[in-house]
Amino acid sequence: MTNSRLLVLFDLDGTLVDPAGSITGGISAALAEAGLPVPPAAELDRMVGPALKESLTTIASVPAEQLESVIARYRRGYRETGMAASRPYPGIADAVRNLRADGALVAVATQKPEPIARELLAVQGLDTLFDSIHGSPADERLAAADGKVSIIRAALAEHHGRYSSAVMIGDRSHDVHGASANGIPCIGVAWGFAPDGELEAAGAAAVVRSAADLAPAVRACTQPAGANGTV
């Protein structure tokens, strides 16, 4: 990392911040309030990471006519209690600081609506650690169909010309696929919400089990960004 400028992109929920049940509990409450079935715990865990609209549709089978009201119920509860209940994962803030001290640019790339992502990071005292924060539109109906791909692309474009290599760090397969579509590697983190084997099957360059392992993994897998105009 000393011979070139590195850009490190971090996912948010399941990577930087432990929702501590606030996401799955909030989804359960919103579904119950709407009179809809609540999926089993394992299925609720699968809903952490992807865009909420996608998860509610494909996993919870929320009817299209109730989708917006369920999302609104969930967002209200998340702002009231969920953000404060969340916690940064052990050692992750120091890992980000160490990457910055080594000269890296660091940014957030999450499918959470960007205003909520900024608010969560501020509540957790993490917002000042990042050079930029990228998420979905506040109006989730306007989110790009390719999800994480577009968000990572926007983060790379934000720092165009300022870095020579980039890497994504995340806890789910869509982080890996979004990074790959943009020509960069992805390091998976084992403390998030991926079932066993998901990150490896998706093609993660490495899977780490502690925040202290991030910097060595970044050094080992960083390569020039793909020839897709992102550098």
C-alpha atoms as a PDB file:
ATOM      1  CA  MET A   1       0.000   0.000   0.000  1.00  0.00           C
ATOM      2  CA  THR A   2       3.029   2.268   0.173  1.00  0.00           C
ATOM      3  CA  ASN A   3       3.735   2.412  -3.573  1.00  0.00           C
ATOM      4  CA  SER A   4       0.263   3.337  -4.833  1.00  0.00           C
ATOM      5  CA  ARG A   5      -2.958   4.926  -3.617  1.00  0.00           C
ATOM      6  CA  LEU A   6      -5.536   2.409  -2.554  1.00  0.00           C
ATOM      7  CA  LEU A   7      -9.307   2.850  -2.367  1.00  0.00           C
ATOM      8  CA  VAL A   8     -11.068   0.593   0.149  1.00  0.00           C
ATOM      9  CA  LEU A   9     -14.863   0.346  -0.020  1.00  0.00           C
ATOM     10  CA  PHE A  10     -16.788  -0.954   2.995  1.00  0.00           C
ATOM     11  CA  ASP A  11     -20.268  -2.384   3.183  1.00  0.00           C
ATOM     12  CA  LEU A  12     -22.209  -1.118   6.207  1.00  0.00           C
ATOM     13  CA  ASP A  13     -24.596  -3.537   7.969  1.00  0.00           C
ATOM     14  CA  GLY A  14     -22.847  -6.806   8.750  1.00  0.00           C
ATOM     15  CA  THR A  15     -19.430  -5.355   7.937  1.00  0.00           C
ATOM     16  CA  LEU A  16     -18.898  -2.083   9.802  1.00  0.00           C
ATOM     17  CA  VAL A  17     -21.919  -2.149  12.082  1.00  0.00           C
ATOM     18  CA  ASP A  18     -23.678  -4.979  13.897  1.00  0.00           C
ATOM     19  CA  PRO A  19     -27.418  -4.228  13.709  1.00  0.00           C
ATOM     20  CA  ALA A  20     -27.822  -6.184  16.982  1.00  0.00           C
ATOM     21  CA  GLY A  21     -31.189  -7.520  15.865  1.00  0.00           C
ATOM     22  CA  SER A  22     -32.548  -4.098  14.963  1.00  0.00           C
ATOM     23  CA  ILE A  23     -32.953  -4.980  11.282  1.00  0.00           C
ATOM     24  CA  THR A  24     -34.473  -8.435  11.649  1.00  0.00           C
ATOM     25  CA  GLY A  25     -36.528  -7.355  14.659  1.00  0.00           C
ATOM     26  CA  GLY A  26     -37.672  -4.241  12.850  1.00  0.00           C
ATOM     27  CA  ILE A  27     -38.690  -6.194   9.767  1.00  0.00           C
ATOM     28  CA  SER A  28     -40.585  -8.691  11.943  1.00  0.00           C
ATOM     29  CA  ALA A  29     -42.445  -5.876  13.697  1.00  0.00           C
ATOM     30  CA  ALA A  30     -43.283  -4.095  10.436  1.00  0.00           C
ATOM     31  CA  LEU A  31     -44.637  -7.299   8.868  1.00  0.00           C
ATOM     32  CA  ALA A  32     -46.672  -8.150  11.960  1.00  0.00           C
ATOM     33  CA  GLU A  33     -48.147  -4.631  12.106  1.00  0.00           C
ATOM     34  CA  ALA A  34     -49.186  -5.024   8.484  1.00  0.00           C
ATOM     35  CA  GLY A  35     -50.836  -8.382   9.230  1.00  0.00           C
ATOM     36  CA  LEU A  36     -48.311 -10.289   7.121  1.00  0.00           C
ATOM     37  CA  PRO A  37     -46.519 -13.560   7.941  1.00  0.00           C
ATOM     38  CA  VAL A  38     -43.088 -13.225   9.585  1.00  0.00           C
ATOM     39  CA  PRO A  39     -40.421 -15.485   8.039  1.00  0.00           C
ATOM     40  CA  PRO A  40     -38.323 -17.804  10.235  1.00  0.00           C
ATOM     41  CA  ALA A  41     -35.159 -16.413  11.832  1.00  0.00           C
ATOM     42  CA  ALA A  42     -32.842 -17.873   9.189  1.00  0.00           C
ATOM     43  CA  GLU A  43     -34.848 -16.205   6.442  1.00  0.00           C
ATOM     44  CA  LEU A  44     -34.850 -12.890   8.301  1.00  0.00           C
ATOM     45  CA  ASP A  45     -31.051 -13.075   8.517  1.00  0.00           C
ATOM     46  CA  ARG A  46     -30.931 -13.442   4.726  1.00  0.00           C
ATOM     47  CA  MET A  47     -32.699 -10.083   4.480  1.00  0.00           C
ATOM     48  CA  VAL A  48     -29.771  -8.192   6.019  1.00  0.00           C
ATOM     49  CA  GLY A  49     -27.604  -6.762   3.257  1.00  0.00           C
ATOM     50  CA  PRO A  50     -29.677  -6.742   0.069  1.00  0.00           C
ATOM     51  CA  ALA A  51     -31.951  -3.809  -0.697  1.00  0.00           C
ATOM     52  CA  LEU A  52     -34.939  -3.901   1.672  1.00  0.00           C
ATOM     53  CA  LYS A  53     -37.443  -3.714  -1.195  1.00  0.00           C
ATOM     54  CA  GLU A  54     -35.836  -6.744  -2.817  1.00  0.00           C
ATOM     55  CA  SER A  55     -35.745  -8.746   0.417  1.00  0.00           C
ATOM     56  CA  LEU A  56     -39.334  -7.956   1.331  1.00  0.00           C
ATOM     57  CA  THR A  57     -40.467  -9.013  -2.130  1.00  0.00           C
ATOM     58  CA  THR A  58     -38.404 -12.141  -2.720  1.00  0.00           C
ATOM     59  CA  ILE A  59     -37.998 -13.500   0.822  1.00  0.00           C
ATOM     60  CA  ALA A  60     -40.989 -12.205   2.789  1.00  0.00           C
ATOM     61  CA  SER A  61     -43.360 -12.265  -0.223  1.00  0.00           C
ATOM     62  CA  VAL A  62     -44.854  -8.868   0.637  1.00  0.00           C
ATOM     63  CA  PRO A  63     -47.592  -7.978  -1.887  1.00  0.00           C
ATOM     64  CA  ALA A  64     -46.715  -5.045  -4.145  1.00  0.00           C
ATOM     65  CA  GLU A  65     -49.614  -2.963  -2.837  1.00  0.00           C
ATOM     66  CA  GLN A  66     -48.311  -3.224   0.756  1.00  0.00           C
ATOM     67  CA  LEU A  67     -44.614  -2.816   0.046  1.00  0.00           C
ATOM     68  CA  GLU A  68     -44.316   0.927   0.612  1.00  0.00           C
ATOM     69  CA  SER A  69     -46.290   0.876   3.863  1.00  0.00           C
ATOM     70  CA  VAL A  70     -44.184  -1.982   5.270  1.00  0.00           C
ATOM     71  CA  ILE A  71     -40.981  -0.139   4.358  1.00  0.00           C
ATOM     72  CA  ALA A  72     -42.292   3.045   5.985  1.00  0.00           C
ATOM     73  CA  ARG A  73     -43.175   1.138   9.183  1.00  0.00           C
ATOM     74  CA  TYR A  74     -39.720  -0.425   9.258  1.00  0.00           C
ATOM     75  CA  ARG A  75     -37.858   2.848   8.612  1.00  0.00           C
ATOM     76  CA  ARG A  76     -39.799   4.640  11.345  1.00  0.00           C
ATOM     77  CA  GLY A  77     -38.906   2.031  13.942  1.00  0.00           C
ATOM     78  CA  TYR A  78     -35.298   1.853  12.779  1.00  0.00           C
ATOM     79  CA  ARG A  79     -34.839   5.588  13.230  1.00  0.00           C
ATOM     80  CA  GLU A  80     -36.570   5.577  16.627  1.00  0.00           C
ATOM     81  CA  THR A  81     -34.596   2.697  18.182  1.00  0.00           C
ATOM     82  CA  GLY A  82     -32.607   0.635  15.665  1.00  0.00           C
ATOM     83  CA  MET A  83     -29.751   3.013  14.986  1.00  0.00           C
ATOM     84  CA  ALA A  84     -28.927   3.497  18.648  1.00  0.00           C
ATOM     85  CA  ALA A  85     -29.134  -0.252  19.304  1.00  0.00           C
ATOM     86  CA  SER A  86     -26.576  -1.023  16.582  1.00  0.00           C
ATOM     87  CA  ARG A  87     -22.870  -1.275  17.436  1.00  0.00           C
ATOM     88  CA  PRO A  88     -19.611  -1.120  15.439  1.00  0.00           C
ATOM     89  CA  TYR A  89     -17.969  -4.538  15.206  1.00  0.00           C
ATOM     90  CA  PRO A  90     -14.954  -5.030  17.509  1.00  0.00           C
ATOM     91  CA  GLY A  91     -11.800  -3.481  16.083  1.00  0.00           C
ATOM     92  CA  ILE A  92     -13.407  -2.235  12.861  1.00  0.00           C
ATOM     93  CA  ALA A  93     -12.954   1.487  13.580  1.00  0.00           C
ATOM     94  CA  ASP A  94      -9.260   0.924  14.288  1.00  0.00           C
ATOM     95  CA  ALA A  95      -8.945  -1.113  11.085  1.00  0.00           C
ATOM     96  CA  VAL A  96     -10.356   1.805   9.085  1.00  0.00           C
ATOM     97  CA  ARG A  97      -8.071   4.266  10.865  1.00  0.00           C
ATOM     98  CA  ASN A  98      -5.044   2.078  10.140  1.00  0.00           C
ATOM     99  CA  LEU A  99      -5.896   1.914   6.438  1.00  0.00           C
ATOM    100  CA  ARG A 100      -6.184   5.699   6.366  1.00  0.00           C
ATOM    101  CA  ALA A 101      -2.870   6.026   8.203  1.00  0.00           C
ATOM    102  CA  ASP A 102      -1.292   3.865   5.501  1.00  0.00           C
ATOM    103  CA  GLY A 103      -2.516   6.388   2.909  1.00  0.00           C
ATOM    104  CA  ALA A 104      -5.649   4.630   1.671  1.00  0.00           C
ATOM    105  CA  LEU A 105      -8.857   6.355   0.694  1.00  0.00           C
ATOM    106  CA  VAL A 106     -11.807   4.732   2.473  1.00  0.00           C
ATOM    107  CA  ALA A 107     -15.476   4.916   1.541  1.00  0.00           C
ATOM    108  CA  VAL A 108     -18.799   3.251   2.319  1.00  0.00           C
ATOM    109  CA  ALA A 109     -20.825   1.476  -0.380  1.00  0.00           C
ATOM    110  CA  THR A 110     -24.153   0.197   0.974  1.00  0.00           C
ATOM    111  CA  GLN A 111     -27.607  -0.605  -0.365  1.00  0.00           C
ATOM    112  CA  LYS A 112     -29.110   1.189   2.626  1.00  0.00           C
ATOM    113  CA  PRO A 113     -30.634   4.536   1.536  1.00  0.00           C
ATOM    114  CA  GLU A 114     -27.787   7.031   1.628  1.00  0.00           C
ATOM    115  CA  PRO A 115     -29.383   9.536   4.046  1.00  0.00           C
ATOM    116  CA  ILE A 116     -30.050   6.712   6.536  1.00  0.00           C
ATOM    117  CA  ALA A 117     -26.531   5.351   6.067  1.00  0.00           C
ATOM    118  CA  ARG A 118     -25.077   8.769   6.868  1.00  0.00           C
ATOM    119  CA  GLU A 119     -27.327   9.091   9.913  1.00  0.00           C
ATOM    120  CA  LEU A 120     -26.363   5.629  11.213  1.00  0.00           C
ATOM    121  CA  LEU A 121     -22.648   6.291  10.779  1.00  0.00           C
ATOM    122  CA  ALA A 122     -23.008   9.595  12.618  1.00  0.00           C
ATOM    123  CA  VAL A 123     -24.935   7.987  15.486  1.00  0.00           C
ATOM    124  CA  GLN A 124     -22.176   5.383  15.797  1.00  0.00           C
ATOM    125  CA  GLY A 125     -19.395   7.990  15.603  1.00  0.00           C
ATOM    126  CA  LEU A 126     -17.966   6.520  12.396  1.00  0.00           C
ATOM    127  CA  ASP A 127     -18.943   9.127   9.802  1.00  0.00           C
ATOM    128  CA  THR A 128     -15.732  11.167  10.031  1.00  0.00           C
ATOM    129  CA  LEU A 129     -13.598   8.114   9.189  1.00  0.00           C
ATOM    130  CA  PHE A 130     -14.723   7.995   5.548  1.00  0.00           C
ATOM    131  CA  ASP A 131     -13.821  10.044   2.501  1.00  0.00           C
ATOM    132  CA  SER A 132     -17.266   9.437   0.993  1.00  0.00           C
ATOM    133  CA  ILE A 133     -20.493   7.551   1.689  1.00  0.00           C
ATOM    134  CA  HIS A 134     -22.568   5.975  -1.080  1.00  0.00           C
ATOM    135  CA  GLY A 135     -25.979   4.313  -0.855  1.00  0.00           C
ATOM    136  CA  SER A 136     -29.340   3.904  -2.517  1.00  0.00           C
ATOM    137  CA  PRO A 137     -31.639   6.868  -3.239  1.00  0.00           C
ATOM    138  CA  ALA A 138     -33.773   8.126  -0.354  1.00  0.00           C
ATOM    139  CA  ASP A 139     -36.787   7.143  -2.472  1.00  0.00           C
ATOM    140  CA  GLU A 140     -36.205   3.400  -2.756  1.00  0.00           C
ATOM    141  CA  ARG A 141     -38.465   3.216  -5.792  1.00  0.00           C
ATOM    142  CA  LEU A 142     -35.652   4.961  -7.693  1.00  0.00           C
ATOM    143  CA  ALA A 143     -32.970   2.418  -6.764  1.00  0.00           C
ATOM    144  CA  ALA A 144     -31.068   0.942  -9.703  1.00  0.00           C
ATOM    145  CA  ALA A 145     -32.052  -2.594 -10.656  1.00  0.00           C
ATOM    146  CA  ASP A 146     -28.463  -3.797 -10.406  1.00  0.00           C
ATOM    147  CA  GLY A 147     -28.215  -2.719  -6.750  1.00  0.00           C
ATOM    148  CA  LYS A 148     -24.699  -2.972  -5.384  1.00  0.00           C
ATOM    149  CA  VAL A 149     -23.134  -2.817  -8.853  1.00  0.00           C
ATOM    150  CA  SER A 150     -24.273   0.782  -9.400  1.00  0.00           C
ATOM    151  CA  ILE A 151     -23.414   1.836  -5.852  1.00  0.00           C
ATOM    152  CA  ILE A 152     -19.855   0.521  -6.112  1.00  0.00           C
ATOM    153  CA  ARG A 153     -19.548   2.132  -9.543  1.00  0.00           C
ATOM    154  CA  ALA A 154     -20.595   5.482  -8.066  1.00  0.00           C
ATOM    155  CA  ALA A 155     -18.031   5.158  -5.269  1.00  0.00           C
ATOM    156  CA  LEU A 156     -15.263   4.392  -7.767  1.00  0.00           C
ATOM    157  CA  ALA A 157     -16.327   7.312  -9.950  1.00  0.00           C
ATOM    158  CA  GLU A 158     -16.307   9.683  -6.961  1.00  0.00           C
ATOM    159  CA  HIS A 159     -12.583   9.061  -6.518  1.00  0.00           C
ATOM    160  CA  HIS A 160     -11.665   8.755 -10.192  1.00  0.00           C
ATOM    161  CA  GLY A 161      -8.018   9.626 -10.761  1.00  0.00           C
ATOM    162  CA  ARG A 162      -7.139   9.540  -7.055  1.00  0.00           C
ATOM    163  CA  TYR A 163      -6.405   5.828  -6.680  1.00  0.00           C
ATOM    164  CA  SER A 164      -4.548   3.126  -8.569  1.00  0.00           C
ATOM    165  CA  SER A 165      -6.201   0.042  -7.076  1.00  0.00           C
ATOM    166  CA  ALA A 166      -9.394  -0.686  -5.191  1.00  0.00           C
ATOM    167  CA  VAL A 167     -11.001  -3.393  -3.096  1.00  0.00           C
ATOM    168  CA  MET A 168     -14.469  -4.010  -1.648  1.00  0.00           C
ATOM    169  CA  ILE A 169     -15.031  -5.400   1.859  1.00  0.00           C
ATOM    170  CA  GLY A 170     -18.416  -6.950   2.624  1.00  0.00           C
ATOM    171  CA  ASP A 171     -20.324  -9.761   4.264  1.00  0.00           C
ATOM    172  CA  ARG A 172     -22.688 -11.032   1.537  1.00  0.00           C
ATOM    173  CA  SER A 173     -22.487 -12.472  -1.961  1.00  0.00           C
ATOM    174  CA  HIS A 174     -23.928  -9.323  -3.551  1.00  0.00           C
ATOM    175  CA  ASP A 175     -20.864  -7.430  -2.281  1.00  0.00           C
ATOM    176  CA  VAL A 176     -18.654  -9.909  -4.110  1.00  0.00           C
ATOM    177  CA  HIS A 177     -20.737  -9.810  -7.284  1.00  0.00           C
ATOM    178  CA  GLY A 178     -20.951  -6.005  -7.239  1.00  0.00           C
ATOM    179  CA  ALA A 179     -17.190  -5.726  -6.876  1.00  0.00           C
ATOM    180  CA  SER A 180     -16.544  -8.270  -9.625  1.00  0.00           C
ATOM    181  CA  ALA A 181     -18.869  -6.426 -12.020  1.00  0.00           C
ATOM    182  CA  ASN A 182     -16.706  -3.340 -11.469  1.00  0.00           C
ATOM    183  CA  GLY A 183     -13.420  -5.180 -11.968  1.00  0.00           C
ATOM    184  CA  ILE A 184     -12.197  -5.159  -8.362  1.00  0.00           C
ATOM    185  CA  PRO A 185     -11.701  -7.926  -5.770  1.00  0.00           C
ATOM    186  CA  CYS A 186     -13.823  -8.372  -2.673  1.00  0.00           C
ATOM    187  CA  ILE A 187     -12.724  -9.508   0.764  1.00  0.00           C
ATOM    188  CA  GLY A 188     -15.475 -11.214   2.713  1.00  0.00           C
ATOM    189  CA  VAL A 189     -15.912 -10.840   6.465  1.00  0.00           C
ATOM    190  CA  ALA A 190     -17.040 -13.881   8.444  1.00  0.00           C
ATOM    191  CA  TRP A 191     -18.706 -11.886  11.234  1.00  0.00           C
ATOM    192  CA  GLY A 192     -21.631 -10.762   9.077  1.00  0.00           C
ATOM    193  CA  PHE A 193     -24.788 -12.457   7.830  1.00  0.00           C
ATOM    194  CA  ALA A 194     -23.618 -14.783   5.063  1.00  0.00           C
ATOM    195  CA  PRO A 195     -24.388 -18.478   5.576  1.00  0.00           C
ATOM    196  CA  ASP A 196     -21.331 -20.734   5.679  1.00  0.00           C
ATOM    197  CA  GLY A 197     -19.718 -20.982   2.257  1.00  0.00           C
ATOM    198  CA  GLU A 198     -21.671 -18.138   0.610  1.00  0.00           C
ATOM    199  CA  LEU A 199     -18.730 -15.762   0.267  1.00  0.00           C
ATOM    200  CA  GLU A 200     -16.346 -18.442  -0.991  1.00  0.00           C
ATOM    201  CA  ALA A 201     -18.895 -19.693  -3.520  1.00  0.00           C
ATOM    202  CA  ALA A 202     -19.439 -16.141  -4.770  1.00  0.00           C
ATOM    203  CA  GLY A 203     -15.717 -15.782  -5.469  1.00  0.00           C
ATOM    204  CA  ALA A 204     -14.417 -13.664  -2.595  1.00  0.00           C
ATOM    205  CA  ALA A 205     -10.671 -13.123  -2.870  1.00  0.00           C
ATOM    206  CA  ALA A 206     -10.363 -13.944   0.838  1.00  0.00           C
ATOM    207  CA  VAL A 207     -12.576 -14.344   3.894  1.00  0.00           C
ATOM    208  CA  VAL A 208     -11.304 -12.881   7.177  1.00  0.00           C
ATOM    209  CA  ARG A 209     -12.493 -13.639  10.693  1.00  0.00           C
ATOM    210  CA  SER A 210     -11.361 -10.541  12.577  1.00  0.00           C
ATOM    211  CA  ALA A 211     -10.871  -6.855  11.858  1.00  0.00           C
ATOM    212  CA  ALA A 212      -7.160  -7.277  12.602  1.00  0.00           C
ATOM    213  CA  ASP A 213      -6.910  -9.576   9.573  1.00  0.00           C
ATOM    214  CA  LEU A 214      -8.279  -6.981   7.145  1.00  0.00           C
ATOM    215  CA  ALA A 215      -5.105  -5.029   6.372  1.00  0.00           C
ATOM    216  CA  PRO A 216      -3.003  -8.138   5.543  1.00  0.00           C
ATOM    217  CA  ALA A 217      -5.841  -9.475   3.368  1.00  0.00           C
ATOM    218  CA  VAL A 218      -6.124  -6.144   1.551  1.00  0.00           C
ATOM    219  CA  ARG A 219      -2.387  -6.145   0.841  1.00  0.00           C
ATOM    220  CA  ALA A 220      -2.532  -9.716  -0.421  1.00  0.00           C
ATOM    221  CA  CYS A 221      -5.432  -9.322  -2.834  1.00  0.00           C
ATOM    222  CA  THR A 222      -5.234  -5.741  -4.069  1.00  0.00           C
ATOM    223  CA  GLN A 223      -4.779  -5.460  -7.781  1.00  0.00           C
ATOM    224  CA  PRO A 224      -5.224  -2.692 -10.347  1.00  0.00           C
ATOM    225  CA  ALA A 225      -8.896  -1.904 -10.931  1.00  0.00           C
ATOM    226  CA  GLY A 226     -10.427  -3.432 -14.042  1.00  0.00           C
ATOM    227  CA  ALA A 227     -10.228  -1.835 -17.436  1.00  0.00           C
ATOM    228  CA  ASN A 228     -13.740  -0.446 -17.201  1.00  0.00           C
ATOM    229  CA  GLY A 229     -12.924   3.222 -16.879  1.00  0.00           C
ATOM    230  CA  THR A 230     -12.939   3.268 -13.084  1.00  0.00           C
ATOM    231  CA  VAL A 231      -9.274   4.290 -12.726  1.00  0.00           C
END
